[in-house]
Amino acid sequence: MPSDFSFTEYIVTCHCGAEWTIANPEMQDHLTCSICGCKFEVTEENVHPKQIPATETVAQAARVASPTSQQLHDAIALVRQGRFTEALNLYKAVLGRDYENRDAFYGMGYAYWKLGRHRESCMVLSLAHEMGHPAAKKLLDRVNQSLESRKHSSRT
């Protein structure tokens, strides 16, 4: 691996000044601060990219180097570009090698939701939630709300 290789993580700052590192701000809309206990929104104003050299830690370098992690990273990049169908293909490839990858299930659920495929989204987000993905329940609730809204609007 080249020594100048890097990947992007994001720093989210609470109003109290505490900071968290997240991989994709588009997949998380709120955080709860473990310092002040405040639940706050993830916005452009409190999110900043942080370039992390791959050599910073052995664990990060190994994570970046693995094919599964690289495909997850590429899928997130596609999601950021609004290329949800292409991202789904990468998430499916990850699950073909690692069927218990909760991040891939979550990413698929997010992509399905953005494509308006709410039933598929609910199915894979439920799996991600059962596997313990920290943000899956919240997105699952949002997708279920979208489904309910669609049901009500189709009745009227």
N, C-alpha and C. Protein backbone atom coordinates (compact mmCIF):
# COMPACT_ATOMS: atom_id res chain seq x y z
N MET A 1 0.86 -1.18 0.00
CA MET A 1 0.00 0.00 0.00
C MET A 1 0.90 1.24 0.00
N PRO A 2 0.63 2.19 -0.90
CA PRO A 2 1.45 3.40 -0.92
C PRO A 2 1.35 4.15 0.39
N SER A 3 2.43 4.76 0.80
CA SER A 3 2.45 5.45 2.10
C SER A 3 1.62 6.73 2.10
N ASP A 4 1.34 7.29 0.92
CA ASP A 4 0.56 8.53 0.89
C ASP A 4 -0.94 8.27 0.72
N PHE A 5 -1.36 7.01 0.71
CA PHE A 5 -2.77 6.68 0.59
C PHE A 5 -3.53 7.19 1.81
N SER A 6 -4.70 7.76 1.58
CA SER A 6 -5.52 8.21 2.70
C SER A 6 -6.98 8.01 2.36
N PHE A 7 -7.82 8.03 3.38
CA PHE A 7 -9.25 7.98 3.18
C PHE A 7 -9.87 9.06 4.05
N THR A 8 -11.11 9.36 3.77
CA THR A 8 -11.75 10.46 4.48
C THR A 8 -12.67 9.94 5.56
N GLU A 9 -12.55 10.50 6.72
CA GLU A 9 -13.52 10.34 7.79
C GLU A 9 -14.03 11.74 8.08
N TYR A 10 -15.06 11.83 8.87
CA TYR A 10 -15.64 13.13 9.18
C TYR A 10 -15.68 13.33 10.68
N ILE A 11 -15.46 14.55 11.08
CA ILE A 11 -15.55 14.93 12.48
C ILE A 11 -16.86 15.68 12.67
N VAL A 12 -17.65 15.24 13.64
CA VAL A 12 -18.90 15.92 14.00
C VAL A 12 -18.68 16.55 15.37
N THR A 13 -19.02 17.83 15.50
CA THR A 13 -18.79 18.55 16.74
C THR A 13 -20.13 18.92 17.38
N CYS A 14 -20.28 18.56 18.66
CA CYS A 14 -21.45 18.94 19.45
C CYS A 14 -21.29 20.40 19.88
N HIS A 15 -22.39 21.03 20.30
CA HIS A 15 -22.31 22.43 20.74
C HIS A 15 -21.43 22.59 22.00
N CYS A 16 -21.22 21.48 22.73
CA CYS A 16 -20.36 21.55 23.92
C CYS A 16 -18.88 21.43 23.57
N GLY A 17 -18.58 21.14 22.29
CA GLY A 17 -17.21 21.03 21.84
C GLY A 17 -16.70 19.61 21.70
N ALA A 18 -17.46 18.62 22.16
CA ALA A 18 -17.05 17.22 22.01
C ALA A 18 -17.08 16.86 20.53
N GLU A 19 -16.17 15.98 20.13
CA GLU A 19 -16.08 15.59 18.73
C GLU A 19 -16.21 14.08 18.57
N TRP A 20 -16.82 13.65 17.45
CA TRP A 20 -16.96 12.25 17.09
C TRP A 20 -16.49 12.07 15.67
N THR A 21 -15.93 10.91 15.40
CA THR A 21 -15.52 10.55 14.05
C THR A 21 -16.58 9.62 13.47
N ILE A 22 -17.05 9.96 12.27
CA ILE A 22 -18.02 9.11 11.57
C ILE A 22 -17.53 8.89 10.15
N ALA A 23 -18.01 7.83 9.52
CA ALA A 23 -17.57 7.50 8.17
C ALA A 23 -18.39 8.23 7.11
N ASN A 24 -19.70 8.40 7.34
CA ASN A 24 -20.55 8.98 6.31
C ASN A 24 -21.64 9.82 6.95
N PRO A 25 -21.53 11.14 6.89
CA PRO A 25 -22.54 11.98 7.52
C PRO A 25 -23.92 11.88 6.87
N GLU A 26 -24.00 11.38 5.64
CA GLU A 26 -25.29 11.25 4.97
C GLU A 26 -26.10 10.08 5.52
N MET A 27 -25.45 9.20 6.25
CA MET A 27 -26.15 8.03 6.77
C MET A 27 -26.47 8.16 8.25
N GLN A 28 -26.25 9.31 8.80
CA GLN A 28 -26.53 9.53 10.21
C GLN A 28 -27.03 10.96 10.36
N ASP A 29 -28.25 11.13 10.83
CA ASP A 29 -28.78 12.48 10.91
C ASP A 29 -28.75 13.09 12.31
N HIS A 30 -28.59 12.27 13.35
CA HIS A 30 -28.50 12.77 14.73
C HIS A 30 -27.48 11.95 15.51
N LEU A 31 -26.89 12.57 16.50
CA LEU A 31 -26.01 11.89 17.45
C LEU A 31 -26.42 12.31 18.85
N THR A 32 -26.11 11.49 19.84
CA THR A 32 -26.30 11.87 21.23
C THR A 32 -24.92 12.00 21.86
N CYS A 33 -24.65 13.17 22.38
CA CYS A 33 -23.34 13.47 22.97
C CYS A 33 -23.19 12.71 24.29
N SER A 34 -22.10 11.99 24.41
CA SER A 34 -21.85 11.26 25.65
C SER A 34 -21.26 12.17 26.72
N ILE A 35 -20.90 13.39 26.35
CA ILE A 35 -20.36 14.34 27.31
C ILE A 35 -21.48 15.14 27.98
N CYS A 36 -22.31 15.81 27.15
CA CYS A 36 -23.36 16.66 27.72
C CYS A 36 -24.75 16.02 27.68
N GLY A 37 -24.89 14.88 26.97
CA GLY A 37 -26.18 14.19 26.89
C GLY A 37 -27.14 14.78 25.87
N CYS A 38 -26.73 15.80 25.15
CA CYS A 38 -27.58 16.47 24.18
C CYS A 38 -27.71 15.63 22.91
N LYS A 39 -28.92 15.53 22.38
CA LYS A 39 -29.12 14.93 21.07
C LYS A 39 -29.05 16.07 20.06
N PHE A 40 -28.16 15.95 19.08
CA PHE A 40 -28.00 17.05 18.13
C PHE A 40 -27.99 16.54 16.70
N GLU A 41 -28.38 17.43 15.80
CA GLU A 41 -28.47 17.11 14.39
C GLU A 41 -27.09 17.17 13.72
N VAL A 42 -26.84 16.25 12.81
CA VAL A 42 -25.62 16.26 12.00
C VAL A 42 -25.91 17.13 10.78
N THR A 43 -25.24 18.27 10.71
CA THR A 43 -25.48 19.23 9.62
C THR A 43 -24.16 19.61 8.96
N GLU A 44 -24.26 20.33 7.86
CA GLU A 44 -23.05 20.81 7.19
C GLU A 44 -22.24 21.72 8.10
N GLU A 45 -22.91 22.41 9.00
CA GLU A 45 -22.23 23.35 9.89
C GLU A 45 -21.37 22.67 10.94
N ASN A 46 -21.73 21.45 11.36
CA ASN A 46 -20.96 20.80 12.41
C ASN A 46 -20.21 19.54 11.94
N VAL A 47 -20.10 19.35 10.63
CA VAL A 47 -19.37 18.22 10.07
C VAL A 47 -18.21 18.75 9.24
N HIS A 48 -17.02 18.18 9.47
CA HIS A 48 -15.83 18.59 8.73
C HIS A 48 -15.03 17.36 8.34
N PRO A 49 -14.55 17.29 7.10
CA PRO A 49 -13.73 16.14 6.70
C PRO A 49 -12.40 16.11 7.43
N LYS A 50 -11.93 14.92 7.69
CA LYS A 50 -10.64 14.73 8.34
C LYS A 50 -9.88 13.71 7.52
N GLN A 51 -8.78 14.08 6.94
CA GLN A 51 -7.94 13.14 6.19
C GLN A 51 -7.13 12.31 7.18
N ILE A 52 -7.25 11.02 7.07
CA ILE A 52 -6.55 10.11 7.96
C ILE A 52 -5.53 9.32 7.15
N PRO A 53 -4.24 9.47 7.43
CA PRO A 53 -3.25 8.63 6.74
C PRO A 53 -3.49 7.16 7.07
N ALA A 54 -3.43 6.32 6.07
CA ALA A 54 -3.66 4.89 6.28
C ALA A 54 -2.64 4.30 7.24
N THR A 55 -1.49 4.93 7.36
CA THR A 55 -0.45 4.40 8.24
C THR A 55 -0.65 4.82 9.69
N GLU A 56 -1.71 5.61 9.98
CA GLU A 56 -1.91 6.09 11.34
C GLU A 56 -2.05 4.95 12.33
N THR A 57 -2.80 3.95 11.96
CA THR A 57 -2.92 2.78 12.83
C THR A 57 -2.90 1.52 11.96
N VAL A 58 -2.44 0.46 12.49
CA VAL A 58 -2.41 -0.80 11.77
C VAL A 58 -3.84 -1.27 11.48
N ALA A 59 -4.74 -1.07 12.43
CA ALA A 59 -6.12 -1.50 12.25
C ALA A 59 -6.78 -0.77 11.09
N GLN A 60 -6.58 0.55 11.01
CA GLN A 60 -7.17 1.31 9.92
C GLN A 60 -6.57 0.88 8.59
N ALA A 61 -5.28 0.67 8.55
CA ALA A 61 -4.63 0.24 7.31
C ALA A 61 -5.17 -1.11 6.86
N ALA A 62 -5.34 -2.01 7.79
CA ALA A 62 -5.87 -3.33 7.45
C ALA A 62 -7.31 -3.22 6.97
N ARG A 63 -8.10 -2.35 7.62
CA ARG A 63 -9.49 -2.16 7.23
C ARG A 63 -9.58 -1.62 5.82
N VAL A 64 -8.74 -0.66 5.49
CA VAL A 64 -8.76 -0.06 4.17
C VAL A 64 -8.30 -1.07 3.13
N ALA A 65 -7.34 -1.92 3.49
CA ALA A 65 -6.76 -2.84 2.53
C ALA A 65 -7.67 -4.02 2.21
N SER A 66 -8.59 -4.38 3.07
CA SER A 66 -9.42 -5.55 2.83
C SER A 66 -10.41 -5.28 1.69
N PRO A 67 -10.66 -6.30 0.85
CA PRO A 67 -11.59 -6.11 -0.27
C PRO A 67 -12.99 -5.71 0.19
N THR A 68 -13.46 -6.31 1.27
CA THR A 68 -14.79 -5.97 1.78
C THR A 68 -14.85 -4.51 2.20
N SER A 69 -13.87 -4.06 2.96
CA SER A 69 -13.86 -2.67 3.40
C SER A 69 -13.74 -1.71 2.24
N GLN A 70 -12.94 -2.07 1.25
CA GLN A 70 -12.80 -1.21 0.08
C GLN A 70 -14.12 -1.11 -0.66
N GLN A 71 -14.82 -2.23 -0.80
CA GLN A 71 -16.12 -2.17 -1.48
C GLN A 71 -17.14 -1.37 -0.68
N LEU A 72 -17.12 -1.49 0.64
CA LEU A 72 -18.02 -0.67 1.45
C LEU A 72 -17.68 0.80 1.28
N HIS A 73 -16.40 1.13 1.30
CA HIS A 73 -15.96 2.51 1.11
C HIS A 73 -16.41 3.03 -0.26
N ASP A 74 -16.24 2.21 -1.30
CA ASP A 74 -16.65 2.60 -2.65
C ASP A 74 -18.17 2.77 -2.73
N ALA A 75 -18.90 1.89 -2.06
CA ALA A 75 -20.37 1.99 -2.07
C ALA A 75 -20.83 3.29 -1.41
N ILE A 76 -20.19 3.65 -0.30
CA ILE A 76 -20.54 4.91 0.37
C ILE A 76 -20.25 6.09 -0.54
N ALA A 77 -19.15 6.03 -1.27
CA ALA A 77 -18.82 7.11 -2.22
C ALA A 77 -19.90 7.20 -3.29
N LEU A 78 -20.38 6.08 -3.77
CA LEU A 78 -21.45 6.09 -4.77
C LEU A 78 -22.74 6.68 -4.19
N VAL A 79 -23.05 6.33 -2.94
CA VAL A 79 -24.23 6.89 -2.28
C VAL A 79 -24.12 8.41 -2.21
N ARG A 80 -22.96 8.91 -1.84
CA ARG A 80 -22.74 10.37 -1.77
C ARG A 80 -22.98 11.04 -3.12
N GLN A 81 -22.70 10.31 -4.20
CA GLN A 81 -22.89 10.84 -5.54
C GLN A 81 -24.31 10.63 -6.05
N GLY A 82 -25.15 9.99 -5.25
CA GLY A 82 -26.52 9.72 -5.66
C GLY A 82 -26.65 8.53 -6.61
N ARG A 83 -25.63 7.72 -6.69
CA ARG A 83 -25.61 6.56 -7.59
C ARG A 83 -26.00 5.30 -6.79
N PHE A 84 -27.27 5.28 -6.39
CA PHE A 84 -27.77 4.28 -5.45
C PHE A 84 -27.81 2.87 -6.03
N THR A 85 -28.17 2.73 -7.30
CA THR A 85 -28.24 1.40 -7.91
C THR A 85 -26.84 0.77 -7.98
N GLU A 86 -25.85 1.56 -8.34
CA GLU A 86 -24.47 1.06 -8.37
C GLU A 86 -23.99 0.70 -6.96
N ALA A 87 -24.37 1.51 -5.98
CA ALA A 87 -24.00 1.21 -4.59
C ALA A 87 -24.62 -0.11 -4.15
N LEU A 88 -25.87 -0.34 -4.54
CA LEU A 88 -26.52 -1.61 -4.18
C LEU A 88 -25.73 -2.80 -4.70
N ASN A 89 -25.21 -2.70 -5.91
CA ASN A 89 -24.42 -3.81 -6.46
C ASN A 89 -23.19 -4.10 -5.61
N LEU A 90 -22.53 -3.05 -5.13
CA LEU A 90 -21.36 -3.26 -4.27
C LEU A 90 -21.76 -3.85 -2.92
N TYR A 91 -22.85 -3.35 -2.34
CA TYR A 91 -23.31 -3.90 -1.06
C TYR A 91 -23.64 -5.39 -1.22
N LYS A 92 -24.27 -5.75 -2.33
CA LYS A 92 -24.59 -7.16 -2.58
C LYS A 92 -23.32 -7.99 -2.72
N ALA A 93 -22.31 -7.43 -3.37
CA ALA A 93 -21.03 -8.15 -3.51
C ALA A 93 -20.40 -8.39 -2.14
N VAL A 94 -20.47 -7.40 -1.27
CA VAL A 94 -19.94 -7.56 0.09
C VAL A 94 -20.68 -8.69 0.80
N LEU A 95 -22.00 -8.69 0.69
CA LEU A 95 -22.79 -9.71 1.37
C LEU A 95 -22.57 -11.10 0.76
N GLY A 96 -22.15 -11.15 -0.50
CA GLY A 96 -21.81 -12.43 -1.11
C GLY A 96 -20.60 -13.07 -0.45
N ARG A 97 -19.70 -12.26 0.09
CA ARG A 97 -18.52 -12.76 0.80
C ARG A 97 -18.73 -12.82 2.30
N ASP A 98 -19.53 -11.90 2.82
CA ASP A 98 -19.70 -11.77 4.27
C ASP A 98 -21.16 -11.47 4.57
N TYR A 99 -21.97 -12.54 4.67
CA TYR A 99 -23.41 -12.35 4.81
C TYR A 99 -23.81 -11.73 6.15
N GLU A 100 -22.90 -11.64 7.08
CA GLU A 100 -23.23 -11.05 8.37
C GLU A 100 -22.67 -9.63 8.51
N ASN A 101 -22.46 -8.95 7.41
CA ASN A 101 -21.91 -7.60 7.44
C ASN A 101 -23.06 -6.60 7.63
N ARG A 102 -23.22 -6.16 8.84
CA ARG A 102 -24.35 -5.27 9.16
C ARG A 102 -24.23 -3.93 8.46
N ASP A 103 -23.03 -3.46 8.17
CA ASP A 103 -22.86 -2.20 7.47
C ASP A 103 -23.37 -2.30 6.03
N ALA A 104 -23.16 -3.44 5.40
CA ALA A 104 -23.66 -3.64 4.04
C ALA A 104 -25.19 -3.68 4.03
N PHE A 105 -25.79 -4.37 5.01
CA PHE A 105 -27.25 -4.38 5.10
C PHE A 105 -27.79 -2.97 5.32
N TYR A 106 -27.15 -2.22 6.21
CA TYR A 106 -27.58 -0.84 6.46
C TYR A 106 -27.46 0.00 5.19
N GLY A 107 -26.33 -0.09 4.52
CA GLY A 107 -26.13 0.66 3.29
C GLY A 107 -27.15 0.31 2.23
N MET A 108 -27.46 -0.97 2.11
CA MET A 108 -28.49 -1.40 1.15
C MET A 108 -29.84 -0.79 1.52
N GLY A 109 -30.15 -0.82 2.81
CA GLY A 109 -31.43 -0.24 3.25
C GLY A 109 -31.52 1.23 2.93
N TYR A 110 -30.43 1.94 3.14
CA TYR A 110 -30.39 3.37 2.84
C TYR A 110 -30.57 3.60 1.33
N ALA A 111 -29.85 2.84 0.52
CA ALA A 111 -29.93 2.99 -0.94
C ALA A 111 -31.34 2.65 -1.44
N TYR A 112 -31.91 1.55 -0.95
CA TYR A 112 -33.28 1.20 -1.34
C TYR A 112 -34.25 2.32 -0.96
N TRP A 113 -34.08 2.89 0.22
CA TRP A 113 -34.95 3.97 0.67
C TRP A 113 -34.85 5.17 -0.27
N LYS A 114 -33.62 5.55 -0.62
CA LYS A 114 -33.42 6.68 -1.52
C LYS A 114 -33.99 6.42 -2.91
N LEU A 115 -34.05 5.14 -3.31
CA LEU A 115 -34.63 4.77 -4.60
C LEU A 115 -36.15 4.62 -4.54
N GLY A 116 -36.72 4.81 -3.35
CA GLY A 116 -38.17 4.67 -3.18
C GLY A 116 -38.63 3.23 -3.06
N ARG A 117 -37.73 2.33 -2.84
CA ARG A 117 -38.05 0.91 -2.70
C ARG A 117 -38.15 0.58 -1.21
N HIS A 118 -39.24 1.07 -0.61
CA HIS A 118 -39.38 1.04 0.84
C HIS A 118 -39.51 -0.36 1.43
N ARG A 119 -40.18 -1.27 0.74
CA ARG A 119 -40.33 -2.62 1.29
C ARG A 119 -38.98 -3.33 1.40
N GLU A 120 -38.18 -3.22 0.32
CA GLU A 120 -36.84 -3.83 0.36
C GLU A 120 -36.00 -3.17 1.45
N SER A 121 -36.14 -1.85 1.56
CA SER A 121 -35.41 -1.11 2.58
C SER A 121 -35.74 -1.63 3.97
N CYS A 122 -37.02 -1.79 4.25
CA CYS A 122 -37.45 -2.30 5.57
C CYS A 122 -36.86 -3.68 5.85
N MET A 123 -36.86 -4.53 4.84
CA MET A 123 -36.37 -5.89 5.03
C MET A 123 -34.89 -5.90 5.43
N VAL A 124 -34.05 -5.19 4.68
CA VAL A 124 -32.62 -5.24 4.98
C VAL A 124 -32.26 -4.39 6.20
N LEU A 125 -32.99 -3.31 6.44
CA LEU A 125 -32.74 -2.53 7.65
C LEU A 125 -33.11 -3.31 8.90
N SER A 126 -34.15 -4.13 8.81
CA SER A 126 -34.52 -5.00 9.94
C SER A 126 -33.38 -5.96 10.26
N LEU A 127 -32.76 -6.51 9.21
CA LEU A 127 -31.62 -7.40 9.43
C LEU A 127 -30.46 -6.65 10.07
N ALA A 128 -30.16 -5.45 9.55
CA ALA A 128 -29.07 -4.65 10.11
C ALA A 128 -29.34 -4.33 11.58
N HIS A 129 -30.59 -4.02 11.90
CA HIS A 129 -30.96 -3.72 13.29
C HIS A 129 -30.78 -4.95 14.17
N GLU A 130 -31.24 -6.11 13.69
CA GLU A 130 -31.09 -7.35 14.45
C GLU A 130 -29.62 -7.68 14.69
N MET A 131 -28.76 -7.27 13.76
CA MET A 131 -27.32 -7.52 13.88
C MET A 131 -26.64 -6.48 14.75
N GLY A 132 -27.39 -5.48 15.20
CA GLY A 132 -26.85 -4.49 16.12
C GLY A 132 -26.30 -3.23 15.48
N HIS A 133 -26.66 -2.95 14.23
CA HIS A 133 -26.17 -1.71 13.62
C HIS A 133 -26.74 -0.52 14.40
N PRO A 134 -25.90 0.41 14.84
CA PRO A 134 -26.36 1.48 15.73
C PRO A 134 -27.36 2.46 15.13
N ALA A 135 -27.39 2.62 13.81
CA ALA A 135 -28.29 3.60 13.20
C ALA A 135 -29.47 2.96 12.47
N ALA A 136 -29.51 1.64 12.41
CA ALA A 136 -30.52 0.96 11.60
C ALA A 136 -31.95 1.19 12.10
N LYS A 137 -32.15 1.18 13.39
CA LYS A 137 -33.51 1.34 13.94
C LYS A 137 -34.08 2.70 13.57
N LYS A 138 -33.28 3.73 13.67
CA LYS A 138 -33.76 5.07 13.37
C LYS A 138 -34.15 5.20 11.90
N LEU A 139 -33.31 4.68 11.00
CA LEU A 139 -33.65 4.75 9.58
C LEU A 139 -34.84 3.85 9.28
N LEU A 140 -34.91 2.70 9.91
CA LEU A 140 -36.06 1.81 9.73
C LEU A 140 -37.35 2.53 10.12
N ASP A 141 -37.33 3.26 11.20
CA ASP A 141 -38.51 4.03 11.61
C ASP A 141 -38.89 5.07 10.56
N ARG A 142 -37.90 5.74 9.99
CA ARG A 142 -38.16 6.75 8.94
C ARG A 142 -38.76 6.10 7.70
N VAL A 143 -38.24 4.93 7.32
CA VAL A 143 -38.76 4.23 6.15
C VAL A 143 -40.19 3.79 6.41
N ASN A 144 -40.45 3.27 7.61
CA ASN A 144 -41.82 2.86 7.95
C ASN A 144 -42.78 4.04 7.92
N GLN A 145 -42.32 5.22 8.36
CA GLN A 145 -43.14 6.42 8.28
C GLN A 145 -43.44 6.76 6.82
N SER A 146 -42.46 6.61 5.96
CA SER A 146 -42.66 6.86 4.53
C SER A 146 -43.69 5.90 3.95
N LEU A 147 -43.60 4.64 4.35
CA LEU A 147 -44.58 3.65 3.89
C LEU A 147 -45.99 4.00 4.36
N GLU A 148 -46.11 4.39 5.62
CA GLU A 148 -47.41 4.77 6.15
C GLU A 148 -47.97 6.00 5.42
N SER A 149 -47.13 6.96 5.15
CA SER A 149 -47.56 8.16 4.42
C SER A 149 -48.05 7.80 3.03
N ARG A 150 -47.35 6.88 2.38
CA ARG A 150 -47.76 6.45 1.04
C ARG A 150 -49.09 5.72 1.08
N LYS A 151 -49.30 4.91 2.13
CA LYS A 151 -50.56 4.20 2.26
C LYS A 151 -51.71 5.19 2.44
N HIS A 152 -51.52 6.18 3.31
CA HIS A 152 -52.56 7.18 3.57
C HIS A 152 -52.85 8.02 2.34
N SER A 153 -51.81 8.41 1.61
CA SER A 153 -52.03 9.27 0.45
C SER A 153 -52.67 8.47 -0.70
N SER A 154 -52.45 7.16 -0.77
CA SER A 154 -53.08 6.37 -1.83
C SER A 154 -54.55 6.10 -1.53
N ARG A 155 -54.95 6.22 -0.27
CA ARG A 155 -56.34 6.01 0.12
C ARG A 155 -57.20 7.23 -0.17
N THR A 156 -56.55 8.40 -0.21
CA THR A 156 -57.34 9.63 -0.38
C THR A 156 -57.42 10.06 -1.81
